[in-house]
Amino acid sequence: MAQKGGSSNNRRLSALVVDDVTIIRLIHGAFLRRHGFLTRSVENGRQAVDLICSGEQFDVIFMDIRMPVMNGVQATRELRAMGVRSMIVGVDCELDHINEDYIQAGMNRVYEKPMTNDIVISVRQELQNNNFMY
């Protein structure tokens, strides 16, 4: 899904929303589209890994941390082991602290739900300015 070639400032960024709650997938997807992202969504980490294995590419993956089948930490570890270099943003509904496991798994950032304008703008700017590196 991520387009190849050209400057990142001249193309739409792509995002994958991974969350087991349907309404969160819908809200986050709509929010990202409002900010110009091309979006896809899946309901668990296994589906995210399978989608990437099928050849799909995304600039950023918004990964729920607590999901059935395969949680966000497990999925992030697997994606990083596969060489996926997309920005991975962990999201959780109860984020009292950033668990070191999230960062060690390969998440670049971790935020509390719900998604906000500031989060999307910050992620977009980092991607567009090529300041993101994994």
C-alpha atoms as a PDB file:
ATOM      1  CA  MET A   1       0.000   0.000   0.000  1.00  0.00           C
ATOM      2  CA  ALA A   2       2.872   2.388   0.681  1.00  0.00           C
ATOM      3  CA  GLN A   3       3.916   3.992  -2.547  1.00  0.00           C
ATOM      4  CA  LYS A   4       7.499   3.700  -3.655  1.00  0.00           C
ATOM      5  CA  GLY A   5       9.754   6.314  -5.203  1.00  0.00           C
ATOM      6  CA  GLY A   6       9.783  10.077  -4.905  1.00  0.00           C
ATOM      7  CA  SER A   7       9.969  12.251  -1.866  1.00  0.00           C
ATOM      8  CA  SER A   8       7.803  11.321   1.108  1.00  0.00           C
ATOM      9  CA  ASN A   9       6.465  14.897   0.977  1.00  0.00           C
ATOM     10  CA  ASN A  10       4.963  14.230  -2.493  1.00  0.00           C
ATOM     11  CA  ARG A  11       2.900  11.147  -1.666  1.00  0.00           C
ATOM     12  CA  ARG A  12       0.176  10.084   0.707  1.00  0.00           C
ATOM     13  CA  LEU A  13       1.396   8.196   3.725  1.00  0.00           C
ATOM     14  CA  SER A  14      -0.081   4.790   4.500  1.00  0.00           C
ATOM     15  CA  ALA A  15      -1.207   3.500   7.879  1.00  0.00           C
ATOM     16  CA  LEU A  16      -2.312   0.149   9.246  1.00  0.00           C
ATOM     17  CA  VAL A  17      -4.618   0.186  12.286  1.00  0.00           C
ATOM     18  CA  VAL A  18      -4.420  -3.017  14.340  1.00  0.00           C
ATOM     19  CA  ASP A  19      -7.068  -3.270  17.063  1.00  0.00           C
ATOM     20  CA  ASP A  20      -9.511  -5.940  18.225  1.00  0.00           C
ATOM     21  CA  VAL A  21     -12.271  -3.384  18.911  1.00  0.00           C
ATOM     22  CA  THR A  22     -14.259  -2.614  15.760  1.00  0.00           C
ATOM     23  CA  ILE A  23     -15.291   0.900  16.804  1.00  0.00           C
ATOM     24  CA  ILE A  24     -11.657   1.831  17.559  1.00  0.00           C
ATOM     25  CA  ARG A  25     -10.591   0.586  14.111  1.00  0.00           C
ATOM     26  CA  LEU A  26     -13.328   2.671  12.512  1.00  0.00           C
ATOM     27  CA  ILE A  27     -12.598   5.801  14.547  1.00  0.00           C
ATOM     28  CA  HIS A  28      -8.812   5.627  14.154  1.00  0.00           C
ATOM     29  CA  GLY A  29      -9.122   4.848  10.436  1.00  0.00           C
ATOM     30  CA  ALA A  30     -11.465   7.789   9.867  1.00  0.00           C
ATOM     31  CA  PHE A  31      -9.220  10.071  11.909  1.00  0.00           C
ATOM     32  CA  LEU A  32      -6.137   9.067   9.886  1.00  0.00           C
ATOM     33  CA  ARG A  33      -7.967   9.494   6.560  1.00  0.00           C
ATOM     34  CA  ARG A  34      -8.999  12.995   7.650  1.00  0.00           C
ATOM     35  CA  HIS A  35      -5.279  13.708   7.988  1.00  0.00           C
ATOM     36  CA  GLY A  36      -4.545  12.381   4.496  1.00  0.00           C
ATOM     37  CA  PHE A  37      -3.385   8.839   5.281  1.00  0.00           C
ATOM     38  CA  LEU A  38      -4.313   5.850   3.143  1.00  0.00           C
ATOM     39  CA  THR A  39      -5.528   3.294   5.695  1.00  0.00           C
ATOM     40  CA  ARG A  40      -6.183  -0.397   6.215  1.00  0.00           C
ATOM     41  CA  SER A  41      -7.221  -2.155   9.397  1.00  0.00           C
ATOM     42  CA  VAL A  42      -7.097  -5.624  10.907  1.00  0.00           C
ATOM     43  CA  GLU A  43      -8.309  -7.002  14.226  1.00  0.00           C
ATOM     44  CA  ASN A  44      -5.233  -8.662  15.733  1.00  0.00           C
ATOM     45  CA  GLY A  45      -1.482  -8.960  15.517  1.00  0.00           C
ATOM     46  CA  ARG A  46      -1.576 -12.253  13.590  1.00  0.00           C
ATOM     47  CA  GLN A  47      -3.618 -10.610  10.840  1.00  0.00           C
ATOM     48  CA  ALA A  48      -1.152  -7.703  10.746  1.00  0.00           C
ATOM     49  CA  VAL A  49       1.814 -10.056  10.376  1.00  0.00           C
ATOM     50  CA  ASP A  50      -0.019 -12.057   7.691  1.00  0.00           C
ATOM     51  CA  LEU A  51      -0.893  -8.875   5.782  1.00  0.00           C
ATOM     52  CA  ILE A  52       2.739  -7.739   5.794  1.00  0.00           C
ATOM     53  CA  CYS A  53       3.851 -11.251   4.750  1.00  0.00           C
ATOM     54  CA  SER A  54       1.497 -10.981   1.761  1.00  0.00           C
ATOM     55  CA  GLY A  55       3.533  -8.024   0.503  1.00  0.00           C
ATOM     56  CA  GLU A  56       1.629  -5.050   1.897  1.00  0.00           C
ATOM     57  CA  GLN A  57       3.769  -2.170   3.142  1.00  0.00           C
ATOM     58  CA  PHE A  58       2.855   0.717   5.419  1.00  0.00           C
ATOM     59  CA  ASP A  59       4.633   3.839   6.547  1.00  0.00           C
ATOM     60  CA  VAL A  60       3.190   3.516  10.047  1.00  0.00           C
ATOM     61  CA  ILE A  61       1.415   0.802  12.014  1.00  0.00           C
ATOM     62  CA  PHE A  62      -0.804   1.805  14.944  1.00  0.00           C
ATOM     63  CA  MET A  63      -0.659  -1.354  17.066  1.00  0.00           C
ATOM     64  CA  ASP A  64      -3.010  -2.031  19.966  1.00  0.00           C
ATOM     65  CA  ILE A  65      -1.016  -3.601  22.766  1.00  0.00           C
ATOM     66  CA  ARG A  66      -3.689  -5.898  24.245  1.00  0.00           C
ATOM     67  CA  MET A  67      -5.414  -8.136  21.700  1.00  0.00           C
ATOM     68  CA  PRO A  68      -6.434 -11.790  21.474  1.00  0.00           C
ATOM     69  CA  VAL A  69      -4.750 -14.243  19.070  1.00  0.00           C
ATOM     70  CA  MET A  70      -1.480 -12.243  18.962  1.00  0.00           C
ATOM     71  CA  ASN A  71      -0.961  -9.130  21.070  1.00  0.00           C
ATOM     72  CA  GLY A  72       0.816  -5.984  19.922  1.00  0.00           C
ATOM     73  CA  VAL A  73       4.144  -6.774  21.582  1.00  0.00           C
ATOM     74  CA  GLN A  74       4.276 -10.255  20.024  1.00  0.00           C
ATOM     75  CA  ALA A  75       3.290  -8.898  16.604  1.00  0.00           C
ATOM     76  CA  THR A  76       5.865  -6.101  16.800  1.00  0.00           C
ATOM     77  CA  ARG A  77       8.627  -8.569  17.680  1.00  0.00           C
ATOM     78  CA  GLU A  78       7.656 -10.767  14.748  1.00  0.00           C
ATOM     79  CA  LEU A  79       7.474  -7.832  12.324  1.00  0.00           C
ATOM     80  CA  ARG A  80      10.898  -6.558  13.393  1.00  0.00           C
ATOM     81  CA  ALA A  81      12.352 -10.074  13.082  1.00  0.00           C
ATOM     82  CA  MET A  82      11.029 -10.100   9.494  1.00  0.00           C
ATOM     83  CA  GLY A  83      12.893  -6.861   8.804  1.00  0.00           C
ATOM     84  CA  VAL A  84       9.862  -4.556   8.762  1.00  0.00           C
ATOM     85  CA  ARG A  85      11.125  -0.982   9.099  1.00  0.00           C
ATOM     86  CA  SER A  86       7.767   0.814   9.340  1.00  0.00           C
ATOM     87  CA  MET A  87       7.194   3.109  12.289  1.00  0.00           C
ATOM     88  CA  ILE A  88       5.221   1.118  14.865  1.00  0.00           C
ATOM     89  CA  VAL A  89       3.153   3.145  17.315  1.00  0.00           C
ATOM     90  CA  GLY A  90       1.824   1.187  20.272  1.00  0.00           C
ATOM     91  CA  VAL A  91      -1.578   2.244  21.601  1.00  0.00           C
ATOM     92  CA  ASP A  92      -3.300   1.164  24.782  1.00  0.00           C
ATOM     93  CA  CYS A  93      -6.409   2.234  26.646  1.00  0.00           C
ATOM     94  CA  GLU A  94      -4.706   2.253  30.051  1.00  0.00           C
ATOM     95  CA  LEU A  95      -1.197   3.551  29.766  1.00  0.00           C
ATOM     96  CA  ASP A  96      -0.002   4.449  33.242  1.00  0.00           C
ATOM     97  CA  HIS A  97       3.603   3.948  32.186  1.00  0.00           C
ATOM     98  CA  ILE A  98       5.535   2.817  29.141  1.00  0.00           C
ATOM     99  CA  ASN A  99       6.485  -0.779  29.702  1.00  0.00           C
ATOM    100  CA  GLU A 100      10.096  -1.358  28.633  1.00  0.00           C
ATOM    101  CA  ASP A 101       8.900  -4.494  26.789  1.00  0.00           C
ATOM    102  CA  TYR A 102       7.088  -2.249  24.282  1.00  0.00           C
ATOM    103  CA  ILE A 103      10.268  -0.447  23.289  1.00  0.00           C
ATOM    104  CA  GLN A 104      12.408  -3.596  23.403  1.00  0.00           C
ATOM    105  CA  ALA A 105       9.907  -5.301  21.094  1.00  0.00           C
ATOM    106  CA  GLY A 106      10.512  -2.549  18.540  1.00  0.00           C
ATOM    107  CA  MET A 107       7.721  -0.031  19.063  1.00  0.00           C
ATOM    108  CA  ASN A 108       8.923   3.469  18.250  1.00  0.00           C
ATOM    109  CA  ARG A 109       6.336   5.295  20.314  1.00  0.00           C
ATOM    110  CA  VAL A 110       3.532   4.391  22.700  1.00  0.00           C
ATOM    111  CA  TYR A 111       0.400   6.467  23.278  1.00  0.00           C
ATOM    112  CA  GLU A 112      -2.804   6.165  25.221  1.00  0.00           C
ATOM    113  CA  LYS A 113      -6.079   5.787  23.318  1.00  0.00           C
ATOM    114  CA  PRO A 114      -7.883   7.562  21.853  1.00  0.00           C
ATOM    115  CA  MET A 115      -5.860   8.951  18.973  1.00  0.00           C
ATOM    116  CA  THR A 116      -5.535  12.727  19.036  1.00  0.00           C
ATOM    117  CA  ASN A 117      -4.807  15.420  16.503  1.00  0.00           C
ATOM    118  CA  ASP A 118      -1.414  16.036  18.129  1.00  0.00           C
ATOM    119  CA  ILE A 119      -0.417  12.358  17.846  1.00  0.00           C
ATOM    120  CA  VAL A 120      -1.273  12.160  14.138  1.00  0.00           C
ATOM    121  CA  ILE A 121       0.424  15.473  13.346  1.00  0.00           C
ATOM    122  CA  SER A 122       3.562  14.444  15.236  1.00  0.00           C
ATOM    123  CA  VAL A 123       3.760  11.052  13.492  1.00  0.00           C
ATOM    124  CA  ARG A 124       3.074  12.628  10.085  1.00  0.00           C
ATOM    125  CA  GLN A 125       5.779  15.259  10.567  1.00  0.00           C
ATOM    126  CA  GLU A 126       8.335  12.685  11.647  1.00  0.00           C
ATOM    127  CA  LEU A 127       7.580  10.527   8.607  1.00  0.00           C
ATOM    128  CA  GLN A 128       7.523  13.449   6.147  1.00  0.00           C
ATOM    129  CA  ASN A 129      10.735  14.943   7.465  1.00  0.00           C
ATOM    130  CA  ASN A 130      12.451  11.581   7.206  1.00  0.00           C
ATOM    131  CA  ASN A 131      13.312  11.829  10.907  1.00  0.00           C
ATOM    132  CA  PHE A 132      12.054   8.328  11.522  1.00  0.00           C
ATOM    133  CA  MET A 133      14.567   5.525  11.625  1.00  0.00           C
ATOM    134  CA  TYR A 134      14.275   2.059  13.007  1.00  0.00           C
END
